[in-house]
Every structure is written in C-alpha cells, then in structure tokens.
Amino acid sequence: MKAFKAAVAASLFFGGAFATAGQALAEWPERAVTVIVPWAAGGGTDATARAVAQELEERFGQPFNVVNRTGGGGLVGHITIANSAPDGYTLGVITIETTMFEAQGLPGAAPENFTLLGRFNADAIGINVRADAPYENAQDLIDAVEANPGQLKASGANQGGLSHLAWAGLLNRLEIDPQAGPWVASDGSAPAMQQLAANAIAIVSTSPAEAQSLVDAGEAKTLMLMADERSSLYPDIPTVEEALGVDWSPLPFRGVAGPAGLPEEVVTKVSDALAEITQDEEFIAMMESRGFSVAYQDAETFTQTVMRSRDDLVSAMQAVGLAQ
C-alpha cells in the first residue's frame, strides 16, 4: 500500500510538473523578452526594431527590451541571437547580412542558425552624398569616381556587408574596379552619415530613410535608389536603371528571428503578431513618417526569401571577390 501511494504521489507530482511546463509554453511570454539588434543605436534597424518591440509589448503584455550588440559588421549581434536559448525569451532583428557571413568565412550566423519568424520591412539602398558635393546626379558621381580612383571613399556598414556589396557590385556592374571607390567600414548607417557630415567620406550607401535626417537638414542628398522601380515613399529619386542604365537592385530586409529550434507556438504567435502589426494603420503611418516601408512576410515566406537572397548575393560577392 505504501508503495502504491508513493507511485500515485510521484505520478501526480510529475504529471503536475509536465502540466505546468505545458501551461508555461502555452502562455508565452510569461516574462520579459530580450530583442537583440546587431547594429548601432540611432540607425534604421534600431529605429524599426524599437517600433516593432513596442507593438509586441502592447500585444503580449510583457516588456520586449531592445539591446544593441554591435561589432564585426553585425556578426556579433547575429551570433548572439543564434546562440541564445531556444525558449522564445531572446529574439532579435536580423538583416540581410546574415545571408553573406558564411561566404566570407564567418560561421555561426547563417540562415540555418535561426528560426525566422517574419519580415516587417524592406527598403532599397540609396547612394547619398553631401548636399554641397559637385554632383547633380548619379552619373556625375560615377564619372568622378572613375576619374579619381581611390579618392572618393564610401561607407554605410561593415566590409562585406550589404551596403558595401551594393556599392561595390554597382561599380562592378558598370565595369569599374570596385577599389576605385574604396570602402571605409563602420558599425552602421548612423556613424557613416556622421562621417559624411564631417566630410571624412564622400559617399554613403544606405536606405534613404537612414539618410533622411541629414537630407531634411540640408546636409545631404540622395542621388538614386538601387531598385528596379521607384519608391512610393521617395517618388522623386530615380532608380539605378534610370540614372545609370544598368539593372542592379539588391534589396535589404529586416525581420524578427530567434535561435534555431524555437517552439512552434512561439513561431506562430510572433508571426501572427507581425501580421497584425504591419496591417495597423498607425504603425504604417509611423513607419512611413520615418521613411521606412512596411513589407510583411510570414515565417515560411520570409525563410524562402532569405534563402533566395543568399543565392543571389553570394553570386554577386564571388563576382567582386568578396566570397571565399
């Protein structure tokens, strides 16, 4: 009888433990969630991440605390996301650089290292110069780069990141040695735009949203967008094909992800929440007021986009000697 009672007690204990664990998962999140941003505070990824985190916080009733983990051209923050416990309490905003790290010999932050939860933003990269620069259009700038190889330095992110690849790939597409416009690595668009304002560099390759504050202040101008069609947010900025007569449109993205192996319930909850957020008129208006488009993709579609982007960008990297 004593053995029987002990077995029953053990069954009730462990059964209760399992029920509690199941309830904890079903009720995610029960506590604060950390949101890792791999880029510097003040840049476009940071701004959009904080907007999304605020919306998630309102929907789930728990803090979604944004933490900037910079370094290595985004590698440090991306690896931090990938190496976190797969319990849903550390998520992050990933960018297109995660499709390129592995090809540069930098393991640990490839798409397979993440559970992709959804995309909320995708904006074309623009070519920005100082407002007082002697270039009326993009062709004037390219002519100056070709005529003065090595003199006009560009920046916007890390060496080998998308902003760099977009600029170097553009020169390569124009049959100009990418070294004619040498790249100066930075921790993101915000410090790069500061360097532009200080006249330390001549060109910043980044989205028009990230350049908007200096453009509005009359200190910078955007010469073109590397896209195949004009932006509804910036209808007056020509595409690269209109400006230079070539087809080149690497499209960056921002999406929410966690480490590989996240519970399916977390994937579903966050992806569904992103769908609601990106359809919210106030959120759309807020994003557009800051110059960011809203471009939602669910977890499955976002995963397909990331894998396709990797194939395209690795090919481009190989063409300009940036892939191992």
C-alpha atoms as a PDB file:
ATOM      1  CA  MET A   1       0.000   0.000   0.000  1.00  0.00           C
ATOM      2  CA  LYS A   2       2.819   2.403   0.861  1.00  0.00           C
ATOM      3  CA  ALA A   3       4.482   1.655  -2.489  1.00  0.00           C
ATOM      4  CA  PHE A   4       1.197   2.248  -4.276  1.00  0.00           C
ATOM      5  CA  LYS A   5       0.676   5.612  -2.545  1.00  0.00           C
ATOM      6  CA  ALA A   6       4.240   6.632  -3.358  1.00  0.00           C
ATOM      7  CA  ALA A   7       3.728   5.784  -7.013  1.00  0.00           C
ATOM      8  CA  VAL A   8       0.489   7.756  -7.101  1.00  0.00           C
ATOM      9  CA  ALA A   9       2.172  10.726  -5.422  1.00  0.00           C
ATOM     10  CA  ALA A  10       5.061  10.604  -7.879  1.00  0.00           C
ATOM     11  CA  SER A  11       2.641  10.387 -10.767  1.00  0.00           C
ATOM     12  CA  LEU A  12       0.720  13.397  -9.528  1.00  0.00           C
ATOM     13  CA  PHE A  13       3.953  15.354  -8.946  1.00  0.00           C
ATOM     14  CA  PHE A  14       5.470  14.700 -12.326  1.00  0.00           C
ATOM     15  CA  GLY A  15       2.128  14.996 -14.070  1.00  0.00           C
ATOM     16  CA  GLY A  16       1.689  18.389 -12.430  1.00  0.00           C
ATOM     17  CA  ALA A  17       5.201  19.382 -13.446  1.00  0.00           C
ATOM     18  CA  PHE A  18       4.535  18.447 -17.043  1.00  0.00           C
ATOM     19  CA  ALA A  19       1.210  20.281 -16.980  1.00  0.00           C
ATOM     20  CA  THR A  20       2.921  23.349 -15.562  1.00  0.00           C
ATOM     21  CA  ALA A  21       5.583  23.189 -18.277  1.00  0.00           C
ATOM     22  CA  GLY A  22       2.903  22.871 -20.936  1.00  0.00           C
ATOM     23  CA  GLN A  23       0.992  25.805 -19.497  1.00  0.00           C
ATOM     24  CA  ALA A  24       4.182  27.895 -19.392  1.00  0.00           C
ATOM     25  CA  LEU A  25       4.793  27.286 -23.056  1.00  0.00           C
ATOM     26  CA  ALA A  26       1.159  27.955 -23.948  1.00  0.00           C
ATOM     27  CA  GLU A  27       1.297  31.234 -22.069  1.00  0.00           C
ATOM     28  CA  TRP A  28       4.492  32.557 -23.678  1.00  0.00           C
ATOM     29  CA  PRO A  29       5.663  35.113 -22.869  1.00  0.00           C
ATOM     30  CA  GLU A  30       5.420  34.928 -19.086  1.00  0.00           C
ATOM     31  CA  ARG A  31       8.296  37.353 -18.550  1.00  0.00           C
ATOM     32  CA  ALA A  32      10.357  39.964 -20.359  1.00  0.00           C
ATOM     33  CA  VAL A  33      11.747  39.177 -23.808  1.00  0.00           C
ATOM     34  CA  THR A  34      15.133  40.483 -24.943  1.00  0.00           C
ATOM     35  CA  VAL A  35      15.316  41.751 -28.530  1.00  0.00           C
ATOM     36  CA  ILE A  36      18.881  41.842 -29.871  1.00  0.00           C
ATOM     37  CA  VAL A  37      19.701  44.452 -32.529  1.00  0.00           C
ATOM     38  CA  PRO A  38      23.050  43.781 -34.262  1.00  0.00           C
ATOM     39  CA  TRP A  39      23.519  47.402 -35.315  1.00  0.00           C
ATOM     40  CA  ALA A  40      24.194  50.705 -33.553  1.00  0.00           C
ATOM     41  CA  ALA A  41      21.551  52.768 -31.798  1.00  0.00           C
ATOM     42  CA  GLY A  42      20.142  55.512 -33.989  1.00  0.00           C
ATOM     43  CA  GLY A  43      20.310  53.612 -37.286  1.00  0.00           C
ATOM     44  CA  GLY A  44      17.408  52.288 -39.329  1.00  0.00           C
ATOM     45  CA  THR A  45      17.487  48.768 -37.934  1.00  0.00           C
ATOM     46  CA  ASP A  46      17.498  50.095 -34.383  1.00  0.00           C
ATOM     47  CA  ALA A  47      14.630  52.514 -35.053  1.00  0.00           C
ATOM     48  CA  THR A  48      12.398  49.925 -36.719  1.00  0.00           C
ATOM     49  CA  ALA A  49      13.272  47.262 -34.127  1.00  0.00           C
ATOM     50  CA  ARG A  50      12.176  49.555 -31.306  1.00  0.00           C
ATOM     51  CA  ALA A  51       8.918  50.320 -33.089  1.00  0.00           C
ATOM     52  CA  VAL A  52       8.155  46.629 -33.550  1.00  0.00           C
ATOM     53  CA  ALA A  53       9.237  45.795 -29.977  1.00  0.00           C
ATOM     54  CA  GLN A  54       6.824  48.396 -28.637  1.00  0.00           C
ATOM     55  CA  GLU A  55       3.983  46.880 -30.659  1.00  0.00           C
ATOM     56  CA  LEU A  56       4.842  43.347 -29.467  1.00  0.00           C
ATOM     57  CA  GLU A  57       4.940  44.606 -25.890  1.00  0.00           C
ATOM     58  CA  GLU A  58       1.446  46.061 -26.218  1.00  0.00           C
ATOM     59  CA  ARG A  59       0.080  42.838 -27.687  1.00  0.00           C
ATOM     60  CA  PHE A  60       1.702  40.357 -25.318  1.00  0.00           C
ATOM     61  CA  GLY A  61       1.673  42.403 -22.119  1.00  0.00           C
ATOM     62  CA  GLN A  62       5.339  41.812 -21.317  1.00  0.00           C
ATOM     63  CA  PRO A  63       8.424  44.016 -21.849  1.00  0.00           C
ATOM     64  CA  PHE A  64      10.310  43.493 -25.128  1.00  0.00           C
ATOM     65  CA  ASN A  65      13.639  45.067 -24.249  1.00  0.00           C
ATOM     66  CA  VAL A  66      15.867  46.145 -27.138  1.00  0.00           C
ATOM     67  CA  VAL A  67      19.594  45.564 -26.623  1.00  0.00           C
ATOM     68  CA  ASN A  68      22.171  46.742 -29.181  1.00  0.00           C
ATOM     69  CA  ARG A  69      25.008  44.237 -29.663  1.00  0.00           C
ATOM     70  CA  THR A  70      27.309  45.781 -32.256  1.00  0.00           C
ATOM     71  CA  GLY A  71      30.634  44.687 -33.646  1.00  0.00           C
ATOM     72  CA  GLY A  72      32.011  42.691 -36.531  1.00  0.00           C
ATOM     73  CA  GLY A  73      29.724  44.376 -39.034  1.00  0.00           C
ATOM     74  CA  GLY A  74      26.637  42.875 -37.427  1.00  0.00           C
ATOM     75  CA  LEU A  75      28.215  39.476 -36.805  1.00  0.00           C
ATOM     76  CA  VAL A  76      28.370  39.836 -33.005  1.00  0.00           C
ATOM     77  CA  GLY A  77      24.669  40.593 -32.645  1.00  0.00           C
ATOM     78  CA  HIS A  78      23.565  37.946 -35.115  1.00  0.00           C
ATOM     79  CA  ILE A  79      25.650  35.273 -33.368  1.00  0.00           C
ATOM     80  CA  THR A  80      24.224  36.418 -30.022  1.00  0.00           C
ATOM     81  CA  ILE A  81      20.718  35.719 -31.344  1.00  0.00           C
ATOM     82  CA  ALA A  82      21.736  32.369 -32.833  1.00  0.00           C
ATOM     83  CA  ASN A  83      23.485  31.217 -29.636  1.00  0.00           C
ATOM     84  CA  SER A  84      20.698  32.149 -27.234  1.00  0.00           C
ATOM     85  CA  ALA A  85      18.469  29.561 -25.570  1.00  0.00           C
ATOM     86  CA  PRO A  86      15.652  28.434 -27.910  1.00  0.00           C
ATOM     87  CA  ASP A  87      12.897  29.288 -25.444  1.00  0.00           C
ATOM     88  CA  GLY A  88      11.483  32.441 -27.029  1.00  0.00           C
ATOM     89  CA  TYR A  89      12.905  34.814 -24.440  1.00  0.00           C
ATOM     90  CA  THR A  90      15.744  36.062 -26.627  1.00  0.00           C
ATOM     91  CA  LEU A  91      14.716  37.155 -30.114  1.00  0.00           C
ATOM     92  CA  GLY A  92      16.332  39.615 -32.484  1.00  0.00           C
ATOM     93  CA  VAL A  93      16.043  41.647 -35.631  1.00  0.00           C
ATOM     94  CA  ILE A  94      18.137  40.138 -38.399  1.00  0.00           C
ATOM     95  CA  THR A  95      19.246  41.821 -41.586  1.00  0.00           C
ATOM     96  CA  ILE A  96      20.353  40.604 -44.983  1.00  0.00           C
ATOM     97  CA  GLU A  97      23.961  40.396 -43.825  1.00  0.00           C
ATOM     98  CA  THR A  98      23.120  37.002 -42.353  1.00  0.00           C
ATOM     99  CA  THR A  99      22.974  35.667 -45.927  1.00  0.00           C
ATOM    100  CA  MET A 100      26.588  36.707 -46.507  1.00  0.00           C
ATOM    101  CA  PHE A 101      28.600  35.902 -43.376  1.00  0.00           C
ATOM    102  CA  GLU A 102      29.226  32.261 -44.231  1.00  0.00           C
ATOM    103  CA  ALA A 103      30.539  33.089 -47.703  1.00  0.00           C
ATOM    104  CA  GLN A 104      33.076  35.363 -46.006  1.00  0.00           C
ATOM    105  CA  GLY A 105      34.327  32.515 -43.841  1.00  0.00           C
ATOM    106  CA  LEU A 106      32.381  33.713 -40.780  1.00  0.00           C
ATOM    107  CA  PRO A 107      30.397  30.765 -39.361  1.00  0.00           C
ATOM    108  CA  GLY A 108      27.646  30.828 -36.775  1.00  0.00           C
ATOM    109  CA  ALA A 109      25.178  33.295 -38.271  1.00  0.00           C
ATOM    110  CA  ALA A 110      23.959  31.617 -41.464  1.00  0.00           C
ATOM    111  CA  PRO A 111      20.195  31.391 -42.117  1.00  0.00           C
ATOM    112  CA  GLU A 112      20.189  27.811 -40.813  1.00  0.00           C
ATOM    113  CA  ASN A 113      21.301  29.081 -37.395  1.00  0.00           C
ATOM    114  CA  PHE A 114      17.993  30.921 -36.934  1.00  0.00           C
ATOM    115  CA  THR A 115      14.277  30.341 -36.700  1.00  0.00           C
ATOM    116  CA  LEU A 116      12.863  33.015 -38.997  1.00  0.00           C
ATOM    117  CA  LEU A 117       9.621  34.471 -37.625  1.00  0.00           C
ATOM    118  CA  GLY A 118       8.658  37.106 -40.191  1.00  0.00           C
ATOM    119  CA  ARG A 119       9.741  40.136 -42.186  1.00  0.00           C
ATOM    120  CA  PHE A 120       8.385  43.599 -41.461  1.00  0.00           C
ATOM    121  CA  ASN A 121      10.479  45.929 -43.622  1.00  0.00           C
ATOM    122  CA  ALA A 122      12.389  46.019 -46.909  1.00  0.00           C
ATOM    123  CA  ASP A 123      13.863  49.217 -48.348  1.00  0.00           C
ATOM    124  CA  ALA A 124      16.093  49.891 -51.321  1.00  0.00           C
ATOM    125  CA  ILE A 125      19.610  51.193 -50.780  1.00  0.00           C
ATOM    126  CA  GLY A 126      20.350  54.723 -51.909  1.00  0.00           C
ATOM    127  CA  ILE A 127      23.558  56.490 -52.860  1.00  0.00           C
ATOM    128  CA  ASN A 128      23.979  59.583 -50.702  1.00  0.00           C
ATOM    129  CA  VAL A 129      26.473  62.443 -50.865  1.00  0.00           C
ATOM    130  CA  ARG A 130      26.901  65.786 -49.120  1.00  0.00           C
ATOM    131  CA  ALA A 131      24.433  68.431 -50.221  1.00  0.00           C
ATOM    132  CA  ASP A 132      27.299  70.685 -51.307  1.00  0.00           C
ATOM    133  CA  ALA A 133      29.009  67.953 -53.351  1.00  0.00           C
ATOM    134  CA  PRO A 134      29.547  68.933 -57.001  1.00  0.00           C
ATOM    135  CA  TYR A 135      27.334  66.153 -58.387  1.00  0.00           C
ATOM    136  CA  GLU A 136      23.991  66.979 -59.940  1.00  0.00           C
ATOM    137  CA  ASN A 137      23.141  63.317 -60.462  1.00  0.00           C
ATOM    138  CA  ALA A 138      24.456  59.771 -60.051  1.00  0.00           C
ATOM    139  CA  GLN A 139      26.248  59.819 -63.382  1.00  0.00           C
ATOM    140  CA  ASP A 140      28.294  62.838 -62.259  1.00  0.00           C
ATOM    141  CA  LEU A 141      29.345  60.903 -59.158  1.00  0.00           C
ATOM    142  CA  ILE A 142      30.299  57.782 -61.090  1.00  0.00           C
ATOM    143  CA  ASP A 143      32.295  59.877 -63.549  1.00  0.00           C
ATOM    144  CA  ALA A 144      34.180  61.438 -60.622  1.00  0.00           C
ATOM    145  CA  VAL A 145      34.903  58.020 -59.073  1.00  0.00           C
ATOM    146  CA  GLU A 146      36.219  56.723 -62.391  1.00  0.00           C
ATOM    147  CA  ALA A 147      38.314  59.834 -62.992  1.00  0.00           C
ATOM    148  CA  ASN A 148      39.785  59.853 -59.473  1.00  0.00           C
ATOM    149  CA  PRO A 149      40.290  56.224 -58.460  1.00  0.00           C
ATOM    150  CA  GLY A 150      40.779  55.729 -54.748  1.00  0.00           C
ATOM    151  CA  GLN A 151      39.957  59.324 -53.823  1.00  0.00           C
ATOM    152  CA  LEU A 152      36.210  59.198 -53.113  1.00  0.00           C
ATOM    153  CA  LYS A 153      35.663  56.925 -50.110  1.00  0.00           C
ATOM    154  CA  ALA A 154      32.340  55.267 -49.336  1.00  0.00           C
ATOM    155  CA  SER A 155      30.774  53.792 -46.204  1.00  0.00           C
ATOM    156  CA  GLY A 156      27.488  52.631 -44.728  1.00  0.00           C
ATOM    157  CA  ALA A 157      28.219  49.433 -42.773  1.00  0.00           C
ATOM    158  CA  ASN A 158      30.864  46.746 -42.414  1.00  0.00           C
ATOM    159  CA  GLN A 159      33.317  45.483 -45.001  1.00  0.00           C
ATOM    160  CA  GLY A 160      31.450  42.821 -46.961  1.00  0.00           C
ATOM    161  CA  GLY A 161      28.016  43.857 -45.684  1.00  0.00           C
ATOM    162  CA  LEU A 162      25.102  44.622 -47.968  1.00  0.00           C
ATOM    163  CA  SER A 163      25.752  48.350 -48.156  1.00  0.00           C
ATOM    164  CA  HIS A 164      29.317  47.603 -49.210  1.00  0.00           C
ATOM    165  CA  LEU A 165      28.260  44.853 -51.604  1.00  0.00           C
ATOM    166  CA  ALA A 166      25.613  47.102 -53.149  1.00  0.00           C
ATOM    167  CA  TRP A 167      28.197  49.825 -53.819  1.00  0.00           C
ATOM    168  CA  ALA A 168      30.986  47.501 -54.959  1.00  0.00           C
ATOM    169  CA  GLY A 169      28.568  45.443 -57.056  1.00  0.00           C
ATOM    170  CA  LEU A 170      27.286  48.593 -58.719  1.00  0.00           C
ATOM    171  CA  LEU A 171      30.793  49.615 -59.747  1.00  0.00           C
ATOM    172  CA  ASN A 172      31.473  46.098 -60.940  1.00  0.00           C
ATOM    173  CA  ARG A 173      28.253  46.111 -62.985  1.00  0.00           C
ATOM    174  CA  LEU A 174      29.447  49.374 -64.553  1.00  0.00           C
ATOM    175  CA  GLU A 175      32.782  47.667 -65.364  1.00  0.00           C
ATOM    176  CA  ILE A 176      34.647  49.890 -62.907  1.00  0.00           C
ATOM    177  CA  ASP A 177      37.129  48.418 -60.439  1.00  0.00           C
ATOM    178  CA  PRO A 178      35.350  48.488 -57.029  1.00  0.00           C
ATOM    179  CA  GLN A 179      38.592  49.731 -55.472  1.00  0.00           C
ATOM    180  CA  ALA A 180      38.080  52.983 -57.391  1.00  0.00           C
ATOM    181  CA  GLY A 181      35.573  53.857 -54.650  1.00  0.00           C
ATOM    182  CA  PRO A 182      37.237  52.315 -51.571  1.00  0.00           C
ATOM    183  CA  TRP A 183      35.094  51.250 -48.628  1.00  0.00           C
ATOM    184  CA  VAL A 184      35.512  52.511 -45.058  1.00  0.00           C
ATOM    185  CA  ALA A 185      33.925  50.086 -42.590  1.00  0.00           C
ATOM    186  CA  SER A 186      31.521  51.391 -39.931  1.00  0.00           C
ATOM    187  CA  ASP A 187      29.101  49.956 -37.374  1.00  0.00           C
ATOM    188  CA  GLY A 188      26.074  51.110 -39.330  1.00  0.00           C
ATOM    189  CA  SER A 189      24.410  53.904 -41.224  1.00  0.00           C
ATOM    190  CA  ALA A 190      24.221  56.385 -38.345  1.00  0.00           C
ATOM    191  CA  PRO A 191      28.003  56.652 -37.793  1.00  0.00           C
ATOM    192  CA  ALA A 192      28.549  56.600 -41.561  1.00  0.00           C
ATOM    193  CA  MET A 193      26.213  59.556 -42.056  1.00  0.00           C
ATOM    194  CA  GLN A 194      28.073  61.380 -39.297  1.00  0.00           C
ATOM    195  CA  GLN A 195      31.306  60.777 -41.190  1.00  0.00           C
ATOM    196  CA  LEU A 196      29.660  62.153 -44.323  1.00  0.00           C
ATOM    197  CA  ALA A 197      28.542  65.274 -42.470  1.00  0.00           C
ATOM    198  CA  ALA A 198      32.101  65.713 -41.159  1.00  0.00           C
ATOM    199  CA  ASN A 199      33.434  65.393 -44.730  1.00  0.00           C
ATOM    200  CA  ALA A 200      35.526  62.356 -43.713  1.00  0.00           C
ATOM    201  CA  ILE A 201      33.991  60.306 -46.533  1.00  0.00           C
ATOM    202  CA  ALA A 202      32.291  61.257 -49.794  1.00  0.00           C
ATOM    203  CA  ILE A 203      29.574  58.600 -50.251  1.00  0.00           C
ATOM    204  CA  VAL A 204      27.176  56.672 -48.023  1.00  0.00           C
ATOM    205  CA  SER A 205      25.411  53.595 -49.339  1.00  0.00           C
ATOM    206  CA  THR A 206      22.272  53.183 -47.224  1.00  0.00           C
ATOM    207  CA  SER A 207      18.496  53.479 -47.348  1.00  0.00           C
ATOM    208  CA  PRO A 208      17.006  56.932 -47.869  1.00  0.00           C
ATOM    209  CA  ALA A 209      15.239  56.612 -44.532  1.00  0.00           C
ATOM    210  CA  GLU A 210      18.561  56.348 -42.748  1.00  0.00           C
ATOM    211  CA  ALA A 211      19.798  59.422 -44.599  1.00  0.00           C
ATOM    212  CA  GLN A 212      16.577  61.368 -44.177  1.00  0.00           C
ATOM    213  CA  SER A 213      17.524  63.427 -41.129  1.00  0.00           C
ATOM    214  CA  LEU A 214      20.607  64.856 -42.841  1.00  0.00           C
ATOM    215  CA  VAL A 215      18.725  65.295 -46.115  1.00  0.00           C
ATOM    216  CA  ASP A 216      15.965  67.197 -44.304  1.00  0.00           C
ATOM    217  CA  ALA A 217      18.625  69.305 -42.592  1.00  0.00           C
ATOM    218  CA  GLY A 218      20.070  70.253 -45.976  1.00  0.00           C
ATOM    219  CA  GLU A 219      23.369  68.493 -45.319  1.00  0.00           C
ATOM    220  CA  ALA A 220      22.999  65.507 -47.670  1.00  0.00           C
ATOM    221  CA  LYS A 221      21.211  64.452 -50.850  1.00  0.00           C
ATOM    222  CA  THR A 222      20.209  61.061 -52.291  1.00  0.00           C
ATOM    223  CA  LEU A 223      21.188  60.652 -55.940  1.00  0.00           C
ATOM    224  CA  MET A 224      19.454  57.368 -56.750  1.00  0.00           C
ATOM    225  CA  LEU A 225      17.965  54.140 -55.375  1.00  0.00           C
ATOM    226  CA  MET A 226      19.340  50.714 -56.239  1.00  0.00           C
ATOM    227  CA  ALA A 227      15.909  49.320 -57.068  1.00  0.00           C
ATOM    228  CA  ASP A 228      14.012  48.203 -60.140  1.00  0.00           C
ATOM    229  CA  GLU A 229      11.136  50.624 -59.544  1.00  0.00           C
ATOM    230  CA  ARG A 230      10.670  53.981 -57.838  1.00  0.00           C
ATOM    231  CA  SER A 231       9.708  54.044 -54.190  1.00  0.00           C
ATOM    232  CA  SER A 232       6.253  55.253 -53.239  1.00  0.00           C
ATOM    233  CA  LEU A 233       7.889  56.965 -50.256  1.00  0.00           C
ATOM    234  CA  TYR A 234      10.534  58.695 -52.399  1.00  0.00           C
ATOM    235  CA  PRO A 235       8.939  59.074 -55.840  1.00  0.00           C
ATOM    236  CA  ASP A 236      11.367  61.801 -56.918  1.00  0.00           C
ATOM    237  CA  ILE A 237      14.502  59.670 -56.515  1.00  0.00           C
ATOM    238  CA  PRO A 238      15.442  57.854 -59.750  1.00  0.00           C
ATOM    239  CA  THR A 239      16.208  54.148 -59.905  1.00  0.00           C
ATOM    240  CA  VAL A 240      19.666  52.904 -60.805  1.00  0.00           C
ATOM    241  CA  GLU A 241      18.434  51.919 -64.251  1.00  0.00           C
ATOM    242  CA  GLU A 242      17.030  55.405 -64.848  1.00  0.00           C
ATOM    243  CA  ALA A 243      20.168  57.060 -63.517  1.00  0.00           C
ATOM    244  CA  LEU A 244      22.876  54.818 -64.940  1.00  0.00           C
ATOM    245  CA  GLY A 245      21.214  52.454 -67.397  1.00  0.00           C
ATOM    246  CA  VAL A 246      22.067  49.232 -65.538  1.00  0.00           C
ATOM    247  CA  ASP A 247      19.994  46.638 -63.692  1.00  0.00           C
ATOM    248  CA  TRP A 248      21.197  46.301 -60.075  1.00  0.00           C
ATOM    249  CA  SER A 249      18.777  46.095 -57.150  1.00  0.00           C
ATOM    250  CA  PRO A 250      19.982  44.278 -54.001  1.00  0.00           C
ATOM    251  CA  LEU A 251      17.038  44.633 -51.623  1.00  0.00           C
ATOM    252  CA  PRO A 252      17.785  44.582 -47.869  1.00  0.00           C
ATOM    253  CA  PHE A 253      15.310  43.273 -45.337  1.00  0.00           C
ATOM    254  CA  ARG A 254      14.600  43.468 -41.617  1.00  0.00           C
ATOM    255  CA  GLY A 255      12.866  40.607 -39.880  1.00  0.00           C
ATOM    256  CA  VAL A 256      12.341  39.019 -36.492  1.00  0.00           C
ATOM    257  CA  ALA A 257      14.139  35.771 -35.694  1.00  0.00           C
ATOM    258  CA  GLY A 258      15.257  33.586 -32.842  1.00  0.00           C
ATOM    259  CA  PRO A 259      17.767  30.783 -32.500  1.00  0.00           C
ATOM    260  CA  ALA A 260      17.179  27.543 -34.390  1.00  0.00           C
ATOM    261  CA  GLY A 261      14.738  25.216 -32.688  1.00  0.00           C
ATOM    262  CA  LEU A 262      12.224  27.713 -31.300  1.00  0.00           C
ATOM    263  CA  PRO A 263       8.924  26.144 -30.175  1.00  0.00           C
ATOM    264  CA  GLU A 264       6.318  26.192 -32.918  1.00  0.00           C
ATOM    265  CA  GLU A 265       3.953  28.090 -30.658  1.00  0.00           C
ATOM    266  CA  VAL A 266       6.412  30.983 -30.380  1.00  0.00           C
ATOM    267  CA  VAL A 267       6.862  30.979 -34.162  1.00  0.00           C
ATOM    268  CA  THR A 268       3.113  31.121 -34.727  1.00  0.00           C
ATOM    269  CA  LYS A 269       2.443  33.771 -32.085  1.00  0.00           C
ATOM    270  CA  VAL A 270       5.177  36.153 -33.248  1.00  0.00           C
ATOM    271  CA  SER A 271       4.459  35.677 -36.958  1.00  0.00           C
ATOM    272  CA  ASP A 272       0.739  36.288 -36.394  1.00  0.00           C
ATOM    273  CA  ALA A 273       1.514  39.342 -34.255  1.00  0.00           C
ATOM    274  CA  LEU A 274       3.752  40.749 -37.005  1.00  0.00           C
ATOM    275  CA  ALA A 275       0.927  40.272 -39.492  1.00  0.00           C
ATOM    276  CA  GLU A 276      -1.353  42.343 -37.251  1.00  0.00           C
ATOM    277  CA  ILE A 277       1.296  44.983 -36.591  1.00  0.00           C
ATOM    278  CA  THR A 278       2.129  45.501 -40.274  1.00  0.00           C
ATOM    279  CA  GLN A 279      -1.553  45.965 -41.106  1.00  0.00           C
ATOM    280  CA  ASP A 280      -2.106  48.501 -38.343  1.00  0.00           C
ATOM    281  CA  GLU A 281      -2.711  51.933 -39.854  1.00  0.00           C
ATOM    282  CA  GLU A 282      -0.995  53.774 -37.017  1.00  0.00           C
ATOM    283  CA  PHE A 283       2.105  51.591 -37.293  1.00  0.00           C
ATOM    284  CA  ILE A 284       2.222  52.048 -41.074  1.00  0.00           C
ATOM    285  CA  ALA A 285       1.841  55.810 -40.714  1.00  0.00           C
ATOM    286  CA  MET A 286       4.572  55.911 -38.074  1.00  0.00           C
ATOM    287  CA  MET A 287       6.967  53.869 -40.235  1.00  0.00           C
ATOM    288  CA  GLU A 288       6.265  55.966 -43.313  1.00  0.00           C
ATOM    289  CA  SER A 289       6.716  59.179 -41.348  1.00  0.00           C
ATOM    290  CA  ARG A 290      10.250  57.988 -40.601  1.00  0.00           C
ATOM    291  CA  GLY A 291      10.837  56.923 -44.191  1.00  0.00           C
ATOM    292  CA  PHE A 292      10.504  53.148 -43.782  1.00  0.00           C
ATOM    293  CA  SER A 293       8.304  50.905 -45.883  1.00  0.00           C
ATOM    294  CA  VAL A 294       6.209  48.121 -44.368  1.00  0.00           C
ATOM    295  CA  ALA A 295       6.673  44.790 -46.143  1.00  0.00           C
ATOM    296  CA  TYR A 296       5.350  41.808 -44.191  1.00  0.00           C
ATOM    297  CA  GLN A 297       6.208  38.188 -44.907  1.00  0.00           C
ATOM    298  CA  ASP A 298       5.153  35.286 -42.693  1.00  0.00           C
ATOM    299  CA  ALA A 299       7.685  32.837 -41.285  1.00  0.00           C
ATOM    300  CA  GLU A 300       7.589  30.440 -44.235  1.00  0.00           C
ATOM    301  CA  THR A 301       7.720  33.103 -46.957  1.00  0.00           C
ATOM    302  CA  PHE A 302      10.423  35.044 -45.139  1.00  0.00           C
ATOM    303  CA  THR A 303      12.529  31.884 -44.921  1.00  0.00           C
ATOM    304  CA  GLN A 304      12.178  31.364 -48.686  1.00  0.00           C
ATOM    305  CA  THR A 305      13.156  34.999 -49.337  1.00  0.00           C
ATOM    306  CA  VAL A 306      16.242  34.720 -47.158  1.00  0.00           C
ATOM    307  CA  MET A 307      17.433  31.539 -48.883  1.00  0.00           C
ATOM    308  CA  ARG A 308      16.905  33.049 -52.332  1.00  0.00           C
ATOM    309  CA  SER A 309      18.707  36.251 -51.310  1.00  0.00           C
ATOM    310  CA  ARG A 310      21.665  34.214 -50.140  1.00  0.00           C
ATOM    311  CA  ASP A 311      21.999  32.520 -53.516  1.00  0.00           C
ATOM    312  CA  ASP A 312      21.849  35.844 -55.380  1.00  0.00           C
ATOM    313  CA  LEU A 313      24.196  37.740 -53.083  1.00  0.00           C
ATOM    314  CA  VAL A 314      26.830  35.029 -52.845  1.00  0.00           C
ATOM    315  CA  SER A 315      26.992  35.027 -56.624  1.00  0.00           C
ATOM    316  CA  ALA A 316      27.461  38.789 -56.568  1.00  0.00           C
ATOM    317  CA  MET A 317      30.104  38.506 -53.864  1.00  0.00           C
ATOM    318  CA  GLN A 318      32.033  35.991 -55.911  1.00  0.00           C
ATOM    319  CA  ALA A 319      31.889  38.332 -58.885  1.00  0.00           C
ATOM    320  CA  VAL A 320      33.583  41.108 -56.922  1.00  0.00           C
ATOM    321  CA  GLY A 321      35.968  38.901 -54.952  1.00  0.00           C
ATOM    322  CA  LEU A 322      34.235  39.127 -51.566  1.00  0.00           C
ATOM    323  CA  ALA A 323      33.431  35.431 -51.106  1.00  0.00           C
ATOM    324  CA  GLN A 324      35.806  32.682 -50.126  1.00  0.00           C
END
